[in-house]
N, C-alpha and C. Protein backbone atom coordinates (compact mmCIF):
# COMPACT_ATOMS: atom_id res chain seq x y z
N MET A 1 28.38 18.23 17.36
CA MET A 1 27.39 17.11 17.24
C MET A 1 25.61 17.52 17.14
N VAL A 2 25.35 18.86 17.84
CA VAL A 2 24.03 19.06 17.15
C VAL A 2 23.71 19.34 15.94
N ARG A 3 24.62 19.90 15.61
CA ARG A 3 24.47 20.15 14.22
C ARG A 3 24.11 19.09 13.10
N PHE A 4 25.20 18.04 13.20
CA PHE A 4 25.08 16.98 12.60
C PHE A 4 23.82 16.00 12.52
N SER A 5 22.96 15.93 13.95
CA SER A 5 22.03 15.41 14.45
C SER A 5 20.84 16.27 13.76
N VAL A 6 20.79 17.78 13.79
CA VAL A 6 19.63 18.38 13.00
C VAL A 6 19.99 17.91 11.39
N GLN A 7 21.05 18.10 11.10
CA GLN A 7 21.30 17.79 9.46
C GLN A 7 20.71 16.11 9.21
N LEU A 8 20.74 15.39 10.29
CA LEU A 8 20.37 14.06 9.72
C LEU A 8 18.90 13.96 10.27
N LEU A 9 18.31 14.81 10.98
CA LEU A 9 16.89 14.78 11.20
C LEU A 9 16.27 15.35 10.03
N ILE A 10 16.93 16.49 9.44
CA ILE A 10 16.25 17.14 8.17
C ILE A 10 16.12 16.29 6.88
N LEU A 11 17.34 15.36 6.91
CA LEU A 11 17.50 14.21 5.66
C LEU A 11 16.52 12.82 6.14
N PHE A 12 16.46 12.78 7.23
CA PHE A 12 15.27 11.56 7.68
C PHE A 12 13.75 12.22 7.46
N PHE A 13 13.81 13.26 7.20
CA PHE A 13 12.26 13.75 7.06
C PHE A 13 11.97 13.82 5.48
N ILE A 14 13.15 14.46 4.51
CA ILE A 14 13.05 14.33 3.34
C ILE A 14 12.92 12.79 2.52
N VAL A 15 13.71 12.05 3.14
CA VAL A 15 13.68 10.61 2.92
C VAL A 15 12.54 10.02 3.19
N SER A 16 11.89 10.21 4.02
CA SER A 16 10.72 9.78 4.66
C SER A 16 9.33 10.44 3.38
N PHE A 17 9.42 11.78 3.37
CA PHE A 17 8.57 12.13 2.70
C PHE A 17 8.53 12.25 1.42
N CYS A 18 9.74 11.50 0.44
CA CYS A 18 9.75 11.09 -0.70
C CYS A 18 9.37 9.45 -0.72
N VAL A 19 9.45 8.53 0.22
CA VAL A 19 9.00 7.11 0.21
C VAL A 19 7.76 7.64 0.32
N PHE A 20 7.03 8.10 1.21
CA PHE A 20 5.70 7.97 1.41
C PHE A 20 4.89 8.85 0.03
N PHE A 21 5.66 10.00 -0.49
CA PHE A 21 4.89 10.61 -1.65
C PHE A 21 4.99 9.79 -2.91
N GLY A 22 6.04 8.69 -2.89
CA GLY A 22 6.22 7.92 -4.04
C GLY A 22 5.24 6.79 -4.00
N VAL A 23 5.14 5.96 -2.87
CA VAL A 23 3.72 5.29 -2.60
C VAL A 23 2.59 5.68 -2.86
N GLU A 24 2.18 6.65 -2.25
CA GLU A 24 0.97 7.66 -2.38
C GLU A 24 0.81 7.62 -4.00
N LEU A 25 1.83 8.23 -4.69
CA LEU A 25 1.64 8.27 -6.11
C LEU A 25 1.42 7.17 -7.04
N ALA A 26 2.09 5.99 -6.69
CA ALA A 26 1.99 4.64 -7.06
C ALA A 26 0.25 4.22 -6.89
N LYS A 27 0.06 4.46 -5.80
CA LYS A 27 -1.31 4.05 -5.18
C LYS A 27 -2.24 4.69 -6.22
N GLN A 28 -2.15 6.11 -6.20
CA GLN A 28 -3.52 6.84 -7.00
C GLN A 28 -3.38 6.54 -8.57
N GLY A 29 -2.10 6.01 -8.87
CA GLY A 29 -2.25 5.75 -10.39
C GLY A 29 -2.86 4.18 -10.91
N ILE A 30 -2.70 3.40 -9.66
CA ILE A 30 -3.27 2.22 -9.64
C ILE A 30 -4.81 2.30 -9.73
N GLU A 31 -5.31 3.31 -8.79
CA GLU A 31 -6.66 3.16 -8.49
C GLU A 31 -7.13 4.08 -10.07
N ASP A 32 -6.43 5.02 -10.41
CA ASP A 32 -6.82 5.41 -11.95
C ASP A 32 -7.07 4.41 -12.68
N ILE A 33 -6.35 3.53 -12.90
CA ILE A 33 -6.27 2.52 -13.87
C ILE A 33 -7.43 1.14 -13.49
N HIS A 34 -6.90 0.77 -12.31
CA HIS A 34 -7.88 -0.27 -12.04
C HIS A 34 -8.99 -0.29 -11.04
N GLY A 35 -9.31 1.09 -10.64
CA GLY A 35 -10.39 1.47 -9.81
C GLY A 35 -10.13 1.59 -8.33
N PRO A 36 -10.81 1.54 -7.41
CA PRO A 36 -10.26 1.71 -5.92
C PRO A 36 -9.89 0.39 -5.31
N LEU A 37 -8.93 0.41 -4.54
CA LEU A 37 -8.30 -0.70 -3.77
C LEU A 37 -9.53 -1.31 -2.94
N GLU A 38 -9.27 -2.87 -2.54
CA GLU A 38 -10.26 -3.51 -1.88
C GLU A 38 -9.69 -3.86 -0.85
N THR A 39 -10.28 -3.25 0.28
CA THR A 39 -9.69 -3.32 1.86
C THR A 39 -10.48 -4.21 2.37
N VAL A 40 -10.22 -5.14 3.07
CA VAL A 40 -11.28 -6.23 4.19
C VAL A 40 -11.15 -5.48 5.68
N THR A 41 -12.10 -5.33 6.26
CA THR A 41 -11.97 -5.18 7.58
C THR A 41 -12.96 -5.83 8.29
N GLU A 42 -13.43 -5.41 9.67
CA GLU A 42 -14.22 -6.43 10.34
C GLU A 42 -15.45 -6.15 9.73
N GLU A 43 -15.88 -4.46 9.92
CA GLU A 43 -17.34 -4.25 9.17
C GLU A 43 -17.52 -4.78 7.72
N ASP A 44 -16.58 -4.89 6.96
CA ASP A 44 -16.80 -5.34 5.52
C ASP A 44 -17.00 -6.89 5.51
N SER A 45 -16.17 -7.64 6.31
CA SER A 45 -16.63 -8.97 6.71
C SER A 45 -17.96 -9.34 6.88
N THR A 46 -18.40 -8.59 8.17
CA THR A 46 -19.76 -8.66 8.51
C THR A 46 -20.80 -8.29 7.26
N SER A 47 -20.75 -7.35 6.66
CA SER A 47 -21.45 -6.93 5.54
C SER A 47 -21.48 -7.75 4.56
N ASN A 48 -20.35 -8.55 4.32
CA ASN A 48 -20.30 -9.74 3.34
C ASN A 48 -20.97 -10.88 3.37
N GLU A 49 -20.92 -10.98 4.63
CA GLU A 49 -21.87 -12.36 5.56
C GLU A 49 -23.09 -11.76 5.39
N ILE A 50 -23.83 -10.69 5.45
CA ILE A 50 -25.03 -10.01 5.37
C ILE A 50 -25.33 -10.51 3.79
N GLN A 51 -24.48 -9.84 2.88
CA GLN A 51 -25.04 -10.05 1.75
C GLN A 51 -24.61 -11.29 0.86
N SER A 52 -23.94 -12.24 1.58
CA SER A 52 -24.21 -13.47 1.04
C SER A 52 -25.52 -14.04 1.17
N GLU A 53 -25.98 -13.93 2.51
CA GLU A 53 -27.22 -14.62 2.70
C GLU A 53 -28.19 -13.96 2.19
N LYS A 54 -28.07 -12.77 1.98
CA LYS A 54 -29.35 -12.03 0.70
C LYS A 54 -29.26 -12.68 -0.58
N GLN A 55 -27.86 -13.15 -0.87
CA GLN A 55 -27.74 -13.68 -2.51
C GLN A 55 -28.54 -15.04 -2.31
N LYS A 56 -28.00 -15.95 -1.21
CA LYS A 56 -28.71 -17.09 -0.93
C LYS A 56 -30.52 -16.86 -1.32
N THR A 57 -30.81 -16.24 -0.84
CA THR A 57 -32.41 -16.01 -0.77
C THR A 57 -32.75 -15.53 -2.38
N ASP A 58 -31.94 -14.38 -2.88
CA ASP A 58 -32.02 -13.80 -4.07
C ASP A 58 -31.17 -14.35 -5.09
N ASP A 59 -31.17 -15.47 -5.48
CA ASP A 59 -30.24 -16.00 -6.52
C ASP A 59 -30.97 -15.60 -8.19
N LEU A 60 -32.15 -15.20 -7.85
CA LEU A 60 -32.88 -15.02 -9.27
C LEU A 60 -31.86 -13.73 -9.68
N ILE A 61 -31.49 -12.44 -8.99
CA ILE A 61 -31.14 -11.49 -9.75
C ILE A 61 -29.47 -11.62 -9.37
N PRO A 62 -29.09 -11.55 -10.57
CA PRO A 62 -27.41 -11.59 -10.49
C PRO A 62 -26.75 -10.30 -10.12
N PRO A 63 -25.51 -10.64 -9.42
CA PRO A 63 -25.02 -8.95 -8.94
C PRO A 63 -24.26 -8.40 -10.39
N VAL A 64 -24.43 -7.28 -10.34
CA VAL A 64 -23.71 -6.42 -11.54
C VAL A 64 -22.59 -5.55 -10.86
N GLU A 65 -21.58 -5.47 -10.98
CA GLU A 65 -20.28 -4.71 -10.85
C GLU A 65 -20.06 -3.88 -11.78
N ASP A 66 -19.59 -2.35 -11.76
CA ASP A 66 -19.58 -1.45 -12.19
C ASP A 66 -18.03 -1.24 -12.81
N SER A 67 -17.09 -1.73 -12.08
CA SER A 67 -15.74 -1.70 -12.55
C SER A 67 -14.72 -2.81 -11.53
N PRO A 68 -13.95 -3.46 -12.24
CA PRO A 68 -13.27 -4.13 -11.29
C PRO A 68 -12.45 -3.72 -10.33
N LYS A 69 -12.58 -4.49 -9.14
CA LYS A 69 -11.89 -4.22 -8.21
C LYS A 69 -10.09 -4.67 -8.16
N LEU A 70 -9.49 -4.09 -7.65
CA LEU A 70 -8.07 -4.61 -7.54
C LEU A 70 -8.11 -5.02 -5.57
N SER A 71 -7.57 -6.02 -5.52
CA SER A 71 -6.85 -6.48 -4.65
C SER A 71 -5.58 -6.47 -4.12
N LEU A 72 -5.29 -6.40 -2.85
CA LEU A 72 -4.02 -6.39 -2.31
C LEU A 72 -3.42 -7.62 -2.06
N THR A 73 -3.80 -9.06 -2.90
CA THR A 73 -3.14 -10.00 -2.63
C THR A 73 -1.85 -10.45 -3.57
N THR A 74 -1.88 -10.40 -4.84
CA THR A 74 -0.92 -10.86 -5.67
C THR A 74 -0.89 -10.42 -6.89
N PRO A 75 -0.21 -9.99 -7.32
CA PRO A 75 -0.28 -9.14 -9.02
C PRO A 75 -0.97 -10.29 -9.64
N THR A 76 -1.81 -9.61 -10.68
CA THR A 76 -2.17 -10.48 -11.76
C THR A 76 -1.54 -10.45 -12.96
N LYS A 77 -1.97 -11.40 -13.98
CA LYS A 77 -1.26 -11.43 -15.54
C LYS A 77 -1.19 -10.06 -16.07
N ASP A 78 -2.43 -9.35 -15.93
CA ASP A 78 -2.28 -8.29 -16.55
C ASP A 78 -1.16 -7.15 -16.09
N SER A 79 -0.58 -7.50 -14.90
CA SER A 79 0.27 -6.45 -14.43
C SER A 79 1.54 -6.40 -15.10
N SER A 80 2.02 -5.37 -15.50
CA SER A 80 3.34 -5.36 -16.76
C SER A 80 4.44 -5.59 -15.77
N GLY A 81 5.62 -5.56 -16.46
CA GLY A 81 6.82 -5.88 -15.51
C GLY A 81 7.36 -4.65 -14.90
N LEU A 82 6.86 -3.54 -15.43
CA LEU A 82 7.70 -2.29 -15.01
C LEU A 82 7.07 -1.88 -13.73
N SER A 83 5.81 -2.11 -13.56
CA SER A 83 5.00 -1.92 -12.45
C SER A 83 5.38 -3.01 -11.28
N ILE A 84 5.70 -3.90 -11.31
CA ILE A 84 6.20 -4.89 -10.63
C ILE A 84 7.53 -4.88 -10.18
N LYS A 85 8.65 -4.03 -10.94
CA LYS A 85 9.77 -3.34 -10.84
C LYS A 85 9.85 -2.53 -9.98
N ILE A 86 8.80 -1.62 -10.20
CA ILE A 86 8.96 -0.21 -9.24
C ILE A 86 8.23 -0.37 -8.13
N GLY A 87 7.39 -1.31 -8.14
CA GLY A 87 6.74 -2.00 -6.69
C GLY A 87 7.86 -2.27 -5.70
N ASN A 88 8.63 -3.02 -6.52
CA ASN A 88 9.89 -3.80 -5.82
C ASN A 88 10.88 -2.87 -5.25
N VAL A 89 11.28 -1.89 -5.90
CA VAL A 89 12.42 -0.92 -5.74
C VAL A 89 11.72 -0.16 -4.72
N LEU A 90 10.31 0.39 -4.71
CA LEU A 90 9.86 1.11 -3.44
C LEU A 90 10.04 0.16 -2.08
N GLN A 91 9.48 -0.93 -2.68
CA GLN A 91 9.47 -1.94 -1.14
C GLN A 91 10.91 -1.99 -0.64
N SER A 92 11.89 -2.39 -1.49
CA SER A 92 13.20 -2.51 -0.96
C SER A 92 13.74 -0.93 -0.47
N THR A 93 13.36 -0.02 -1.15
CA THR A 93 13.98 1.34 -0.45
C THR A 93 13.05 1.81 1.00
N ALA A 94 11.96 1.12 0.99
CA ALA A 94 11.56 1.56 2.45
C ALA A 94 12.01 0.48 3.30
N HIS A 95 12.40 -0.55 2.91
CA HIS A 95 12.81 -1.47 4.03
C HIS A 95 14.30 -1.15 4.47
N LYS A 96 14.97 -0.48 3.34
CA LYS A 96 16.32 -0.19 3.77
C LYS A 96 16.46 1.16 4.55
N GLY A 97 15.42 2.03 4.20
CA GLY A 97 15.41 3.29 5.06
C GLY A 97 15.04 2.81 6.30
N VAL A 98 14.05 1.91 6.68
CA VAL A 98 13.70 1.38 7.81
C VAL A 98 15.00 0.84 8.78
N GLU A 99 15.75 0.13 7.96
CA GLU A 99 16.98 -0.19 8.60
C GLU A 99 17.97 0.61 8.96
N ILE A 100 18.39 1.69 8.21
CA ILE A 100 19.22 2.79 8.30
C ILE A 100 18.55 3.25 9.46
N ILE A 101 17.38 3.63 9.69
CA ILE A 101 17.11 4.63 10.94
C ILE A 101 17.01 3.95 11.92
N VAL A 102 16.75 2.54 12.18
CA VAL A 102 16.95 1.88 13.28
C VAL A 102 18.53 1.38 13.50
N SER A 103 19.20 1.50 12.65
CA SER A 103 20.86 1.13 12.97
C SER A 103 21.43 2.59 13.49
N VAL A 104 20.79 3.75 13.07
CA VAL A 104 21.32 5.02 13.42
C VAL A 104 20.80 5.14 14.87
N PHE A 105 19.39 4.65 15.57
CA PHE A 105 19.20 5.12 16.57
C PHE A 105 19.65 4.14 17.65
N HIS A 106 19.94 2.87 16.78
CA HIS A 106 20.62 1.77 17.99
C HIS A 106 22.02 2.17 18.11
N ALA A 107 22.58 2.88 17.30
CA ALA A 107 24.19 3.59 17.39
C ALA A 107 24.20 4.81 18.47
N LEU A 108 22.99 5.66 18.33
CA LEU A 108 23.07 6.74 19.09
C LEU A 108 22.80 6.16 20.69
N PHE A 109 21.75 5.40 20.97
CA PHE A 109 21.41 5.07 22.02
C PHE A 109 21.90 3.70 22.86
N SER A 110 22.98 3.17 22.19
CA SER A 110 23.63 2.01 22.71
C SER A 110 24.65 2.64 23.72
């Protein structure tokens, strides 16, 4: 039983490494193509409010963006079908992996 537990633990680490490494590679590829991902935090939201107030007073100077930023909300029309399929496969793999891990621990500790 101990040998099986060690093998299961090693398999868990290998699968989790592969999933997270794949997600990181996909993220880096998207950032290489579209630029850095845009995430909103509390600090960003307050700085956005300050910037919006500045823009109200400085309407004469239009903002200039260096590169388009990619948001994490929905895929755009520019997204190819392959990238959407890869994202769906990674998402389902991660979801099934979590379900398997939960079911294994549920079976072991129930």
